Amino acid sequence: MNGAESDMNREIMLDGNAVAGVLHDIFALEMTASPTECATCGNVSDVGGLLAFTQAPGAVLRCPVCENVMLRIVETPDAIYLDARGAVYLRLERRAPEWASTE
């Protein structure tokens, strides 16, 4: 991205918390604190710290350091598409099953 494109995009940018609802629909977990690593520059960030662009038919989440695309999410009437090619990993916290409660 050149400087002018970057400035324009920053005006419409949100943080990754803007897509918390759709991520919860996909993973049934609170995802904004989940760490992910950029496949381009190696930066590790929580999903909530990614740069979110939601003014399209879907959402695009970019690395806050190099601004390369890490995640794309598109919802259709029949499905949700998640493209994570720009992420090395997305760490999901494992929860103990409710029946295993130690109360």
Protein backbone atom coordinates (compact mmCIF):
# COMPACT_ATOMS: atom_id res chain seq x y z
CA MET A 1 0.00 0.00 0.00
CA ASN A 2 1.31 3.47 -0.79
CA GLY A 3 1.04 6.36 1.67
CA ALA A 4 -2.18 7.84 0.23
CA GLU A 5 -3.95 4.45 0.19
CA SER A 6 -2.79 3.76 3.74
CA ASP A 7 -4.10 7.12 5.00
CA MET A 8 -7.49 6.59 3.30
CA ASN A 9 -7.77 3.06 4.64
CA ARG A 10 -6.93 4.18 8.17
CA GLU A 11 -9.94 6.51 8.07
CA ILE A 12 -12.34 3.56 7.62
CA MET A 13 -10.38 1.07 9.73
CA LEU A 14 -11.66 -0.46 12.97
CA ASP A 15 -9.88 -2.88 15.26
CA GLY A 16 -10.44 -6.64 15.26
CA ASN A 17 -13.06 -6.34 17.99
CA ALA A 18 -15.44 -5.19 15.24
CA VAL A 19 -15.74 -8.78 14.01
CA ALA A 20 -16.08 -10.40 17.45
CA GLY A 21 -19.68 -11.46 16.75
CA VAL A 22 -19.00 -13.29 13.50
CA LEU A 23 -15.89 -14.94 14.98
CA HIS A 24 -18.02 -16.17 17.87
CA ASP A 25 -20.54 -17.53 15.35
CA ILE A 26 -17.74 -19.47 13.62
CA PHE A 27 -15.77 -20.75 16.61
CA ALA A 28 -18.30 -20.54 19.50
CA LEU A 29 -15.51 -18.90 21.51
CA GLU A 30 -14.45 -15.40 22.49
CA MET A 31 -11.76 -14.87 19.84
CA THR A 32 -10.55 -11.29 20.24
CA ALA A 33 -7.86 -12.27 22.78
CA SER A 34 -6.66 -15.24 20.69
CA PRO A 35 -3.13 -14.79 19.35
CA THR A 36 -2.31 -15.07 15.67
CA GLU A 37 0.93 -14.70 13.71
CA CYS A 38 1.30 -12.81 10.43
CA ALA A 39 2.63 -15.06 7.66
CA THR A 40 4.36 -12.09 6.02
CA CYS A 41 6.27 -10.32 8.80
CA GLY A 42 5.98 -12.72 11.76
CA ASN A 43 4.25 -10.22 14.06
CA VAL A 44 2.16 -11.88 16.78
CA SER A 45 -1.00 -10.03 17.76
CA ASP A 46 -4.32 -10.77 19.39
CA VAL A 47 -7.19 -10.91 16.88
CA GLY A 48 -8.67 -7.83 18.56
CA GLY A 49 -5.48 -5.92 17.71
CA LEU A 50 -5.66 -6.60 13.97
CA LEU A 51 -6.78 -3.84 11.60
CA ALA A 52 -10.38 -4.53 10.56
CA PHE A 53 -12.03 -3.30 7.39
CA THR A 54 -15.75 -4.05 7.33
CA GLN A 55 -17.07 -1.78 4.55
CA ALA A 56 -17.16 -4.59 1.97
CA PRO A 57 -19.38 -7.64 1.52
CA GLY A 58 -17.18 -9.26 4.16
CA ALA A 59 -14.48 -8.34 6.64
CA VAL A 60 -10.75 -8.11 6.05
CA LEU A 61 -8.33 -8.27 8.98
CA ARG A 62 -4.81 -6.95 8.37
CA CYS A 63 -1.56 -7.14 10.31
CA PRO A 64 -1.08 -3.94 12.36
CA VAL A 65 2.65 -3.91 11.50
CA CYS A 66 2.96 -4.68 7.76
CA GLU A 67 -0.76 -4.26 6.84
CA ASN A 68 -0.88 -7.49 4.82
CA VAL A 69 -4.17 -9.39 4.83
CA MET A 70 -4.30 -12.10 7.51
CA LEU A 71 -7.98 -13.11 7.60
CA ARG A 72 -10.97 -12.68 5.30
CA ILE A 73 -14.51 -13.46 6.41
CA VAL A 74 -17.53 -13.49 4.10
CA GLU A 75 -21.06 -14.44 5.13
CA THR A 76 -23.60 -15.73 2.63
CA PRO A 77 -27.14 -16.96 3.26
CA ASP A 78 -25.86 -20.55 3.28
CA ALA A 79 -22.35 -20.37 4.75
CA ILE A 80 -19.53 -18.41 6.33
CA TYR A 81 -16.23 -18.42 4.45
CA LEU A 82 -13.01 -17.93 6.41
CA ASP A 83 -9.74 -17.46 4.54
CA ALA A 84 -6.74 -17.46 6.89
CA ARG A 85 -3.93 -17.77 4.34
CA GLY A 86 -2.23 -14.69 5.77
CA ALA A 87 -1.91 -16.20 9.25
CA VAL A 88 0.69 -18.76 10.26
CA TYR A 89 -1.65 -19.83 13.06
CA LEU A 90 -4.70 -18.77 15.02
CA ARG A 91 -4.53 -20.13 18.57
CA LEU A 92 -7.84 -21.30 20.08
CA GLU A 93 -7.93 -21.70 23.84
CA ARG A 94 -9.10 -25.16 24.86
CA ARG A 95 -11.83 -25.10 27.48
CA ALA A 96 -12.66 -27.91 29.83
CA PRO A 97 -16.06 -29.46 29.04
CA GLU A 98 -18.88 -28.26 31.28
CA TRP A 99 -19.39 -31.77 32.67
CA ALA A 100 -15.79 -31.71 33.96
CA SER A 101 -16.45 -28.80 36.34
CA THR A 102 -14.52 -29.04 39.62
CA GLU A 103 -17.14 -27.29 41.76
